[in-house]
């Protein structure tokens, strides 16, 4: 896990993974730190070139895209992960639903 380095987590990948899985508060706090770093890095905007679409993101949408990755991902078999193209839109949709529910 690349996110273990620099967040006061164990350098050993397995230990880091276990610590994040077994400590929800630490997991959320680490994720929030990473998201803020992505916001600061990409808030002015960037073009996402996914598997099936290109779209310009800025502000928090760019942070979400940066959190999940800027390219077209592939699985272990080399198949394109087209579903990842819609990550930002799906997070925003879930956020809006939760905001309505309160």
PDB file of N, CA and C in Angstrom:
ATOM      1  N   UNK A   1       0.829  -1.187   0.000  1.00  0.00           N
ATOM      2  CA  UNK A   1       0.000   0.000   0.000  1.00  0.00           C
ATOM      3  C   UNK A   1       0.871   1.247   0.000  1.00  0.00           C
ATOM      4  N   UNK A   2       0.792   1.986  -1.060  1.00  0.00           N
ATOM      5  CA  UNK A   2       1.595   3.200  -1.169  1.00  0.00           C
ATOM      6  C   UNK A   2       1.212   4.221  -0.117  1.00  0.00           C
ATOM      7  N   UNK A   3      -0.016   4.149   0.394  1.00  0.00           N
ATOM      8  CA  UNK A   3      -0.479   5.136   1.364  1.00  0.00           C
ATOM      9  C   UNK A   3       0.009   4.881   2.783  1.00  0.00           C
ATOM     10  N   UNK A   4       0.760   3.823   3.005  1.00  0.00           N
ATOM     11  CA  UNK A   4       1.290   3.554   4.342  1.00  0.00           C
ATOM     12  C   UNK A   4       2.457   4.481   4.656  1.00  0.00           C
ATOM     13  N   UNK A   5       3.209   4.841   3.654  1.00  0.00           N
ATOM     14  CA  UNK A   5       4.389   5.675   3.847  1.00  0.00           C
ATOM     15  C   UNK A   5       3.950   7.124   4.063  1.00  0.00           C
ATOM     16  N   UNK A   6       4.467   7.742   5.098  1.00  0.00           N
ATOM     17  CA  UNK A   6       4.200   9.148   5.346  1.00  0.00           C
ATOM     18  C   UNK A   6       2.982   9.431   6.201  1.00  0.00           C
ATOM     19  N   UNK A   7       2.358   8.409   6.736  1.00  0.00           N
ATOM     20  CA  UNK A   7       1.166   8.611   7.554  1.00  0.00           C
ATOM     21  C   UNK A   7       1.298   7.947   8.921  1.00  0.00           C
ATOM     22  N   UNK A   8       2.520   7.812   9.377  1.00  0.00           N
ATOM     23  CA  UNK A   8       2.808   7.206  10.680  1.00  0.00           C
ATOM     24  C   UNK A   8       2.196   5.812  10.797  1.00  0.00           C
ATOM     25  N   UNK A   9       2.265   5.078   9.720  1.00  0.00           N
ATOM     26  CA  UNK A   9       1.775   3.702   9.659  1.00  0.00           C
ATOM     27  C   UNK A   9       2.964   2.771   9.482  1.00  0.00           C
ATOM     28  N   UNK A  10       2.795   1.493   9.808  1.00  0.00           N
ATOM     29  CA  UNK A  10       3.900   0.548   9.619  1.00  0.00           C
ATOM     30  C   UNK A  10       4.352   0.504   8.157  1.00  0.00           C
ATOM     31  N   UNK A  11       5.653   0.425   7.953  1.00  0.00           N
ATOM     32  CA  UNK A  11       6.195   0.360   6.596  1.00  0.00           C
ATOM     33  C   UNK A  11       5.888  -0.977   5.938  1.00  0.00           C
ATOM     34  N   UNK A  12       5.773  -2.017   6.750  1.00  0.00           N
ATOM     35  CA  UNK A  12       5.440  -3.336   6.233  1.00  0.00           C
ATOM     36  C   UNK A  12       4.006  -3.309   5.710  1.00  0.00           C
ATOM     37  N   UNK A  13       3.817  -3.681   4.450  1.00  0.00           N
ATOM     38  CA  UNK A  13       2.508  -3.585   3.801  1.00  0.00           C
ATOM     39  C   UNK A  13       1.426  -4.383   4.530  1.00  0.00           C
ATOM     40  N   UNK A  14       1.746  -5.589   4.951  1.00  0.00           N
ATOM     41  CA  UNK A  14       0.750  -6.424   5.630  1.00  0.00           C
ATOM     42  C   UNK A  14       0.373  -5.837   6.991  1.00  0.00           C
ATOM     43  N   UNK A  15       1.356  -5.354   7.725  1.00  0.00           N
ATOM     44  CA  UNK A  15       1.081  -4.729   9.024  1.00  0.00           C
ATOM     45  C   UNK A  15       0.242  -3.463   8.847  1.00  0.00           C
ATOM     46  N   UNK A  16       0.572  -2.685   7.854  1.00  0.00           N
ATOM     47  CA  UNK A  16      -0.163  -1.460   7.568  1.00  0.00           C
ATOM     48  C   UNK A  16      -1.619  -1.787   7.225  1.00  0.00           C
ATOM     49  N   UNK A  17      -1.802  -2.743   6.348  1.00  0.00           N
ATOM     50  CA  UNK A  17      -3.140  -3.161   5.945  1.00  0.00           C
ATOM     51  C   UNK A  17      -3.957  -3.612   7.154  1.00  0.00           C
ATOM     52  N   UNK A  18      -3.356  -4.433   8.001  1.00  0.00           N
ATOM     53  CA  UNK A  18      -4.052  -4.920   9.194  1.00  0.00           C
ATOM     54  C   UNK A  18      -4.405  -3.782  10.142  1.00  0.00           C
ATOM     55  N   UNK A  19      -3.493  -2.838  10.312  1.00  0.00           N
ATOM     56  CA  UNK A  19      -3.760  -1.726  11.221  1.00  0.00           C
ATOM     57  C   UNK A  19      -4.927  -0.878  10.707  1.00  0.00           C
ATOM     58  N   UNK A  20      -4.956  -0.616   9.403  1.00  0.00           N
ATOM     59  CA  UNK A  20      -6.043   0.179   8.826  1.00  0.00           C
ATOM     60  C   UNK A  20      -7.372  -0.572   8.870  1.00  0.00           C
ATOM     61  N   UNK A  21      -7.332  -1.870   8.641  1.00  0.00           N
ATOM     62  CA  UNK A  21      -8.568  -2.661   8.664  1.00  0.00           C
ATOM     63  C   UNK A  21      -9.131  -2.816  10.071  1.00  0.00           C
ATOM     64  N   UNK A  22      -8.257  -2.844  11.056  1.00  0.00           N
ATOM     65  CA  UNK A  22      -8.691  -3.076  12.434  1.00  0.00           C
ATOM     66  C   UNK A  22      -8.883  -1.811  13.259  1.00  0.00           C
ATOM     67  N   UNK A  23      -8.633  -0.670  12.666  1.00  0.00           N
ATOM     68  CA  UNK A  23      -8.794   0.591  13.382  1.00  0.00           C
ATOM     69  C   UNK A  23      -9.569   1.560  12.477  1.00  0.00           C
ATOM     70  N   UNK A  24     -10.895   1.506  12.517  1.00  0.00           N
ATOM     71  CA  UNK A  24     -11.702   2.351  11.631  1.00  0.00           C
ATOM     72  C   UNK A  24     -11.400   3.846  11.759  1.00  0.00           C
ATOM     73  N   UNK A  25     -11.156   4.319  12.974  1.00  0.00           N
ATOM     74  CA  UNK A  25     -10.864   5.746  13.155  1.00  0.00           C
ATOM     75  C   UNK A  25      -9.578   6.122  12.430  1.00  0.00           C
ATOM     76  N   UNK A  26      -8.541   5.315  12.583  1.00  0.00           N
ATOM     77  CA  UNK A  26      -7.274   5.564  11.898  1.00  0.00           C
ATOM     78  C   UNK A  26      -7.473   5.499  10.389  1.00  0.00           C
ATOM     79  N   UNK A  27      -8.252   4.540   9.930  1.00  0.00           N
ATOM     80  CA  UNK A  27      -8.523   4.382   8.504  1.00  0.00           C
ATOM     81  C   UNK A  27      -9.180   5.643   7.943  1.00  0.00           C
ATOM     82  N   UNK A  28     -10.210   6.139   8.622  1.00  0.00           N
ATOM     83  CA  UNK A  28     -10.923   7.329   8.161  1.00  0.00           C
ATOM     84  C   UNK A  28     -10.030   8.558   8.223  1.00  0.00           C
ATOM     85  N   UNK A  29      -9.282   8.713   9.314  1.00  0.00           N
ATOM     86  CA  UNK A  29      -8.387   9.867   9.445  1.00  0.00           C
ATOM     87  C   UNK A  29      -7.312   9.858   8.361  1.00  0.00           C
ATOM     88  N   UNK A  30      -6.762   8.689   8.065  1.00  0.00           N
ATOM     89  CA  UNK A  30      -5.739   8.581   7.021  1.00  0.00           C
ATOM     90  C   UNK A  30      -6.342   8.903   5.659  1.00  0.00           C
ATOM     91  N   UNK A  31      -7.527   8.370   5.390  1.00  0.00           N
ATOM     92  CA  UNK A  31      -8.206   8.661   4.126  1.00  0.00           C
ATOM     93  C   UNK A  31      -8.499  10.146   3.975  1.00  0.00           C
ATOM     94  N   UNK A  32      -8.910  10.800   5.067  1.00  0.00           N
ATOM     95  CA  UNK A  32      -9.193  12.234   5.029  1.00  0.00           C
ATOM     96  C   UNK A  32      -7.919  13.035   4.743  1.00  0.00           C
ATOM     97  N   UNK A  33      -6.806  12.621   5.337  1.00  0.00           N
ATOM     98  CA  UNK A  33      -5.531  13.300   5.075  1.00  0.00           C
ATOM     99  C   UNK A  33      -5.146  13.169   3.605  1.00  0.00           C
ATOM    100  N   UNK A  34      -5.310  11.964   3.068  1.00  0.00           N
ATOM    101  CA  UNK A  34      -4.973  11.732   1.662  1.00  0.00           C
ATOM    102  C   UNK A  34      -5.874  12.560   0.753  1.00  0.00           C
ATOM    103  N   UNK A  35      -7.174  12.597   1.057  1.00  0.00           N
ATOM    104  CA  UNK A  35      -8.109  13.367   0.246  1.00  0.00           C
ATOM    105  C   UNK A  35      -7.763  14.858   0.279  1.00  0.00           C
ATOM    106  N   UNK A  36      -7.392  15.381   1.449  1.00  0.00           N
ATOM    107  CA  UNK A  36      -6.999  16.784   1.544  1.00  0.00           C
ATOM    108  C   UNK A  36      -5.736  17.053   0.721  1.00  0.00           C
ATOM    109  N   UNK A  37      -4.786  16.142   0.761  1.00  0.00           N
ATOM    110  CA  UNK A  37      -3.568  16.302  -0.047  1.00  0.00           C
ATOM    111  C   UNK A  37      -3.913  16.320  -1.536  1.00  0.00           C
ATOM    112  N   UNK A  38      -4.836  15.454  -1.940  1.00  0.00           N
ATOM    113  CA  UNK A  38      -5.263  15.425  -3.342  1.00  0.00           C
ATOM    114  C   UNK A  38      -5.979  16.721  -3.713  1.00  0.00           C
ATOM    115  N   UNK A  39      -6.788  17.245  -2.780  1.00  0.00           N
ATOM    116  CA  UNK A  39      -7.461  18.527  -3.035  1.00  0.00           C
ATOM    117  C   UNK A  39      -6.427  19.623  -3.278  1.00  0.00           C
ATOM    118  N   UNK A  40      -5.453  19.720  -2.391  1.00  0.00           N
ATOM    119  CA  UNK A  40      -4.429  20.758  -2.524  1.00  0.00           C
ATOM    120  C   UNK A  40      -3.618  20.597  -3.809  1.00  0.00           C
ATOM    121  N   UNK A  41      -3.419  19.373  -4.242  1.00  0.00           N
ATOM    122  CA  UNK A  41      -2.636  19.121  -5.454  1.00  0.00           C
ATOM    123  C   UNK A  41      -3.431  19.392  -6.739  1.00  0.00           C
ATOM    124  N   UNK A  42      -4.734  19.127  -6.729  1.00  0.00           N
ATOM    125  CA  UNK A  42      -5.513  19.154  -7.968  1.00  0.00           C
ATOM    126  C   UNK A  42      -6.655  20.153  -7.999  1.00  0.00           C
ATOM    127  N   UNK A  43      -6.809  20.987  -6.959  1.00  0.00           N
ATOM    128  CA  UNK A  43      -7.979  21.872  -6.876  1.00  0.00           C
ATOM    129  C   UNK A  43      -8.116  22.811  -8.067  1.00  0.00           C
ATOM    130  N   UNK A  44      -7.005  23.154  -8.704  1.00  0.00           N
ATOM    131  CA  UNK A  44      -7.094  24.054  -9.854  1.00  0.00           C
ATOM    132  C   UNK A  44      -7.576  23.337 -11.112  1.00  0.00           C
ATOM    133  N   UNK A  45      -7.634  22.017 -11.051  1.00  0.00           N
ATOM    134  CA  UNK A  45      -8.226  21.258 -12.144  1.00  0.00           C
ATOM    135  C   UNK A  45      -7.246  20.431 -12.955  1.00  0.00           C
ATOM    136  N   UNK A  46      -7.819  19.404 -13.574  1.00  0.00           N
ATOM    137  CA  UNK A  46      -7.018  18.498 -14.398  1.00  0.00           C
ATOM    138  C   UNK A  46      -7.955  17.680 -15.285  1.00  0.00           C
ATOM    139  N   UNK A  47      -7.477  17.326 -16.451  1.00  0.00           N
ATOM    140  CA  UNK A  47      -8.254  16.512 -17.379  1.00  0.00           C
ATOM    141  C   UNK A  47      -8.063  15.038 -17.052  1.00  0.00           C
ATOM    142  N   UNK A  48      -9.169  14.345 -16.846  1.00  0.00           N
ATOM    143  CA  UNK A  48      -9.144  12.901 -16.612  1.00  0.00           C
ATOM    144  C   UNK A  48      -9.339  12.198 -17.940  1.00  0.00           C
ATOM    145  N   UNK A  49      -8.406  11.321 -18.283  1.00  0.00           N
ATOM    146  CA  UNK A  49      -8.509  10.503 -19.486  1.00  0.00           C
ATOM    147  C   UNK A  49      -8.716   9.070 -19.046  1.00  0.00           C
ATOM    148  N   UNK A  50      -9.975   8.686 -18.934  1.00  0.00           N
ATOM    149  CA  UNK A  50     -10.314   7.353 -18.456  1.00  0.00           C
ATOM    150  C   UNK A  50     -10.308   6.326 -19.554  1.00  0.00           C
ATOM    151  N   UNK A  51     -10.965   5.216 -19.287  1.00  0.00           N
ATOM    152  CA  UNK A  51     -11.045   4.132 -20.260  1.00  0.00           C
ATOM    153  C   UNK A  51     -12.020   4.475 -21.380  1.00  0.00           C
ATOM    154  N   UNK A  52     -13.129   5.132 -21.022  1.00  0.00           N
ATOM    155  CA  UNK A  52     -14.190   5.370 -21.997  1.00  0.00           C
ATOM    156  C   UNK A  52     -14.602   6.838 -22.083  1.00  0.00           C
ATOM    157  N   UNK A  53     -13.978   7.716 -21.306  1.00  0.00           N
ATOM    158  CA  UNK A  53     -14.373   9.119 -21.356  1.00  0.00           C
ATOM    159  C   UNK A  53     -13.221  10.021 -20.946  1.00  0.00           C
ATOM    160  N   UNK A  54     -13.340  11.279 -21.331  1.00  0.00           N
ATOM    161  CA  UNK A  54     -12.442  12.324 -20.878  1.00  0.00           C
ATOM    162  C   UNK A  54     -13.318  13.403 -20.265  1.00  0.00           C
ATOM    163  N   UNK A  55     -12.913  13.896 -19.096  1.00  0.00           N
ATOM    164  CA  UNK A  55     -13.680  14.934 -18.412  1.00  0.00           C
ATOM    165  C   UNK A  55     -12.739  15.761 -17.553  1.00  0.00           C
ATOM    166  N   UNK A  56     -13.016  17.045 -17.481  1.00  0.00           N
ATOM    167  CA  UNK A  56     -12.212  17.960 -16.679  1.00  0.00           C
ATOM    168  C   UNK A  56     -12.815  18.056 -15.293  1.00  0.00           C
ATOM    169  N   UNK A  57     -12.007  17.841 -14.274  1.00  0.00           N
ATOM    170  CA  UNK A  57     -12.441  17.955 -12.890  1.00  0.00           C
ATOM    171  C   UNK A  57     -11.643  19.054 -12.202  1.00  0.00           C
ATOM    172  N   UNK A  58     -12.294  19.747 -11.255  1.00  0.00           N
ATOM    173  CA  UNK A  58     -11.577  20.691 -10.396  1.00  0.00           C
ATOM    174  C   UNK A  58     -12.157  20.601  -8.984  1.00  0.00           C
ATOM    175  N   UNK A  59     -11.539  21.347  -8.073  1.00  0.00           N
ATOM    176  CA  UNK A  59     -11.970  21.379  -6.679  1.00  0.00           C
ATOM    177  C   UNK A  59     -12.071  19.967  -6.081  1.00  0.00           C
ATOM    178  N   UNK A  60     -13.159  19.678  -5.354  1.00  0.00           N
ATOM    179  CA  UNK A  60     -13.284  18.391  -4.664  1.00  0.00           C
ATOM    180  C   UNK A  60     -13.483  17.230  -5.631  1.00  0.00           C
ATOM    181  N   UNK A  61     -14.044  17.492  -6.787  1.00  0.00           N
ATOM    182  CA  UNK A  61     -14.185  16.414  -7.781  1.00  0.00           C
ATOM    183  C   UNK A  61     -12.801  15.969  -8.266  1.00  0.00           C
ATOM    184  N   UNK A  62     -11.911  16.922  -8.430  1.00  0.00           N
ATOM    185  CA  UNK A  62     -10.535  16.582  -8.815  1.00  0.00           C
ATOM    186  C   UNK A  62      -9.829  15.834  -7.690  1.00  0.00           C
ATOM    187  N   UNK A  63     -10.118  16.221  -6.450  1.00  0.00           N
ATOM    188  CA  UNK A  63      -9.525  15.522  -5.299  1.00  0.00           C
ATOM    189  C   UNK A  63      -9.985  14.067  -5.276  1.00  0.00           C
ATOM    190  N   UNK A  64     -11.285  13.843  -5.500  1.00  0.00           N
ATOM    191  CA  UNK A  64     -11.801  12.471  -5.553  1.00  0.00           C
ATOM    192  C   UNK A  64     -11.158  11.680  -6.679  1.00  0.00           C
ATOM    193  N   UNK A  65     -11.017  12.314  -7.828  1.00  0.00           N
ATOM    194  CA  UNK A  65     -10.403  11.632  -8.975  1.00  0.00           C
ATOM    195  C   UNK A  65      -8.956  11.284  -8.643  1.00  0.00           C
ATOM    196  N   UNK A  66      -8.239  12.224  -8.034  1.00  0.00           N
ATOM    197  CA  UNK A  66      -6.852  11.973  -7.658  1.00  0.00           C
ATOM    198  C   UNK A  66      -6.734  10.871  -6.620  1.00  0.00           C
ATOM    199  N   UNK A  67      -7.680  10.827  -5.715  1.00  0.00           N
ATOM    200  CA  UNK A  67      -7.704   9.787  -4.677  1.00  0.00           C
ATOM    201  C   UNK A  67      -7.831   8.403  -5.302  1.00  0.00           C
ATOM    202  N   UNK A  68      -8.632   8.309  -6.355  1.00  0.00           N
ATOM    203  CA  UNK A  68      -8.881   7.023  -6.999  1.00  0.00           C
ATOM    204  C   UNK A  68      -7.943   6.747  -8.174  1.00  0.00           C
ATOM    205  N   UNK A  69      -7.272   7.760  -8.677  1.00  0.00           N
ATOM    206  CA  UNK A  69      -6.349   7.590  -9.795  1.00  0.00           C
ATOM    207  C   UNK A  69      -6.813   8.330 -11.037  1.00  0.00           C
ATOM    208  N   UNK A  70      -5.850   8.759 -11.837  1.00  0.00           N
ATOM    209  CA  UNK A  70      -6.143   9.596 -12.994  1.00  0.00           C
ATOM    210  C   UNK A  70      -6.192   8.838 -14.306  1.00  0.00           C
ATOM    211  N   UNK A  71      -5.841   7.580 -14.315  1.00  0.00           N
ATOM    212  CA  UNK A  71      -5.815   6.868 -15.581  1.00  0.00           C
ATOM    213  C   UNK A  71      -6.841   5.765 -15.673  1.00  0.00           C
ATOM    214  N   UNK A  72      -6.746   5.027 -16.730  1.00  0.00           N
ATOM    215  CA  UNK A  72      -7.615   3.880 -16.952  1.00  0.00           C
ATOM    216  C   UNK A  72      -6.958   2.675 -16.292  1.00  0.00           C
ATOM    217  N   UNK A  73      -7.568   2.204 -15.212  1.00  0.00           N
ATOM    218  CA  UNK A  73      -7.007   1.075 -14.492  1.00  0.00           C
ATOM    219  C   UNK A  73      -7.243  -0.244 -15.208  1.00  0.00           C
ATOM    220  N   UNK A  74      -6.448  -1.228 -14.840  1.00  0.00           N
ATOM    221  CA  UNK A  74      -6.616  -2.581 -15.393  1.00  0.00           C
ATOM    222  C   UNK A  74      -6.599  -3.582 -14.241  1.00  0.00           C
ATOM    223  N   UNK A  75      -7.317  -4.676 -14.435  1.00  0.00           N
ATOM    224  CA  UNK A  75      -7.335  -5.715 -13.410  1.00  0.00           C
ATOM    225  C   UNK A  75      -6.152  -6.651 -13.601  1.00  0.00           C
ATOM    226  N   UNK A  76      -6.084  -7.710 -12.811  1.00  0.00           N
ATOM    227  CA  UNK A  76      -4.956  -8.650 -12.854  1.00  0.00           C
ATOM    228  C   UNK A  76      -4.825  -9.343 -14.202  1.00  0.00           C
ATOM    229  N   UNK A  77      -5.909  -9.388 -14.968  1.00  0.00           N
ATOM    230  CA  UNK A  77      -5.885 -10.028 -16.294  1.00  0.00           C
ATOM    231  C   UNK A  77      -5.649  -9.037 -17.424  1.00  0.00           C
ATOM    232  N   UNK A  78      -5.434  -7.776 -17.069  1.00  0.00           N
ATOM    233  CA  UNK A  78      -5.182  -6.761 -18.088  1.00  0.00           C
ATOM    234  C   UNK A  78      -6.443  -6.151 -18.685  1.00  0.00           C
ATOM    235  N   UNK A  79      -7.606  -6.470 -18.124  1.00  0.00           N
ATOM    236  CA  UNK A  79      -8.862  -5.906 -18.612  1.00  0.00           C
ATOM    237  C   UNK A  79      -9.052  -4.490 -18.065  1.00  0.00           C
ATOM    238  N   UNK A  80      -9.498  -3.585 -18.917  1.00  0.00           N
ATOM    239  CA  UNK A  80      -9.723  -2.219 -18.485  1.00  0.00           C
ATOM    240  C   UNK A  80     -10.864  -2.150 -17.473  1.00  0.00           C
ATOM    241  N   UNK A  81     -10.668  -1.334 -16.448  1.00  0.00           N
ATOM    242  CA  UNK A  81     -11.676  -1.150 -15.414  1.00  0.00           C
ATOM    243  C   UNK A  81     -12.527   0.077 -15.758  1.00  0.00           C
ATOM    244  N   UNK A  82     -13.372  -0.074 -16.768  1.00  0.00           N
ATOM    245  CA  UNK A  82     -14.203   1.026 -17.257  1.00  0.00           C
ATOM    246  C   UNK A  82     -15.085   1.583 -16.146  1.00  0.00           C
ATOM    247  N   UNK A  83     -15.517   0.735 -15.223  1.00  0.00           N
ATOM    248  CA  UNK A  83     -16.386   1.191 -14.141  1.00  0.00           C
ATOM    249  C   UNK A  83     -15.716   2.269 -13.293  1.00  0.00           C
ATOM    250  N   UNK A  84     -14.391   2.278 -13.259  1.00  0.00           N
ATOM    251  CA  UNK A  84     -13.667   3.293 -12.487  1.00  0.00           C
ATOM    252  C   UNK A  84     -13.827   4.689 -13.076  1.00  0.00           C
ATOM    253  N   UNK A  85     -14.223   4.773 -14.348  1.00  0.00           N
ATOM    254  CA  UNK A  85     -14.435   6.068 -14.985  1.00  0.00           C
ATOM    255  C   UNK A  85     -15.498   6.884 -14.258  1.00  0.00           C
ATOM    256  N   UNK A  86     -16.442   6.218 -13.616  1.00  0.00           N
ATOM    257  CA  UNK A  86     -17.571   6.896 -12.988  1.00  0.00           C
ATOM    258  C   UNK A  86     -17.423   7.052 -11.476  1.00  0.00           C
ATOM    259  N   UNK A  87     -16.246   6.814 -10.948  1.00  0.00           N
ATOM    260  CA  UNK A  87     -16.017   6.878  -9.504  1.00  0.00           C
ATOM    261  C   UNK A  87     -16.469   8.214  -8.907  1.00  0.00           C
ATOM    262  N   UNK A  88     -16.045   9.307  -9.492  1.00  0.00           N
ATOM    263  CA  UNK A  88     -16.358  10.633  -8.947  1.00  0.00           C
ATOM    264  C   UNK A  88     -17.864  10.858  -8.930  1.00  0.00           C
ATOM    265  N   UNK A  89     -18.513  10.557 -10.023  1.00  0.00           N
ATOM    266  CA  UNK A  89     -19.952  10.776 -10.117  1.00  0.00           C
ATOM    267  C   UNK A  89     -20.724   9.905  -9.120  1.00  0.00           C
ATOM    268  N   UNK A  90     -20.254   8.693  -8.910  1.00  0.00           N
ATOM    269  CA  UNK A  90     -20.906   7.802  -7.950  1.00  0.00           C
ATOM    270  C   UNK A  90     -20.729   8.299  -6.514  1.00  0.00           C
ATOM    271  N   UNK A  91     -19.557   8.800  -6.176  1.00  0.00           N
ATOM    272  CA  UNK A  91     -19.331   9.336  -4.831  1.00  0.00           C
ATOM    273  C   UNK A  91     -20.205  10.566  -4.611  1.00  0.00           C
ATOM    274  N   UNK A  92     -20.267  11.453  -5.587  1.00  0.00           N
ATOM    275  CA  UNK A  92     -21.090  12.657  -5.469  1.00  0.00           C
ATOM    276  C   UNK A  92     -22.563  12.282  -5.333  1.00  0.00           C
ATOM    277  N   UNK A  93     -23.016  11.298  -6.091  1.00  0.00           N
ATOM    278  CA  UNK A  93     -24.404  10.857  -6.003  1.00  0.00           C
ATOM    279  C   UNK A  93     -24.714  10.305  -4.607  1.00  0.00           C
ATOM    280  N   UNK A  94     -23.832   9.488  -4.070  1.00  0.00           N
ATOM    281  CA  UNK A  94     -24.035   8.939  -2.721  1.00  0.00           C
ATOM    282  C   UNK A  94     -24.005  10.040  -1.668  1.00  0.00           C
ATOM    283  N   UNK A  95     -23.112  10.999  -1.844  1.00  0.00           N
ATOM    284  CA  UNK A  95     -23.043  12.133  -0.923  1.00  0.00           C
ATOM    285  C   UNK A  95     -24.380  12.890  -0.914  1.00  0.00           C
ATOM    286  N   UNK A  96     -24.906  13.172  -2.098  1.00  0.00           N
ATOM    287  CA  UNK A  96     -26.174  13.899  -2.187  1.00  0.00           C
ATOM    288  C   UNK A  96     -27.329  13.137  -1.559  1.00  0.00           C
ATOM    289  N   UNK A  97     -27.349  11.824  -1.701  1.00  0.00           N
ATOM    290  CA  UNK A  97     -28.386  11.004  -1.075  1.00  0.00           C
ATOM    291  C   UNK A  97     -28.269  11.079   0.446  1.00  0.00           C
ATOM    292  N   UNK A  98     -27.051  10.931   0.953  1.00  0.00           N
ATOM    293  CA  UNK A  98     -26.836  10.999   2.398  1.00  0.00           C
ATOM    294  C   UNK A  98     -27.166  12.382   2.947  1.00  0.00           C
ATOM    295  N   UNK A  99     -26.860  13.402   2.188  1.00  0.00           N
ATOM    296  CA  UNK A  99     -27.142  14.777   2.613  1.00  0.00           C
ATOM    297  C   UNK A  99     -28.656  14.975   2.775  1.00  0.00           C
ATOM    298  N   UNK A 100     -29.435  14.379   1.899  1.00  0.00           N
ATOM    299  CA  UNK A 100     -30.890  14.487   1.989  1.00  0.00           C
ATOM    300  C   UNK A 100     -31.442  13.715   3.190  1.00  0.00           C
ATOM    301  N   UNK A 101     -30.832  12.575   3.492  1.00  0.00           N
ATOM    302  CA  UNK A 101     -31.291  11.740   4.593  1.00  0.00           C
ATOM    303  C   UNK A 101     -30.961  12.364   5.939  1.00  0.00           C
ATOM    304  N   UNK A 102     -29.801  12.963   6.037  1.00  0.00           N
ATOM    305  CA  UNK A 102     -29.254  13.558   7.270  1.00  0.00           C
ATOM    306  C   UNK A 102     -29.259  12.542   8.363  1.00  0.00           C
TER     307      UNK A 102
END
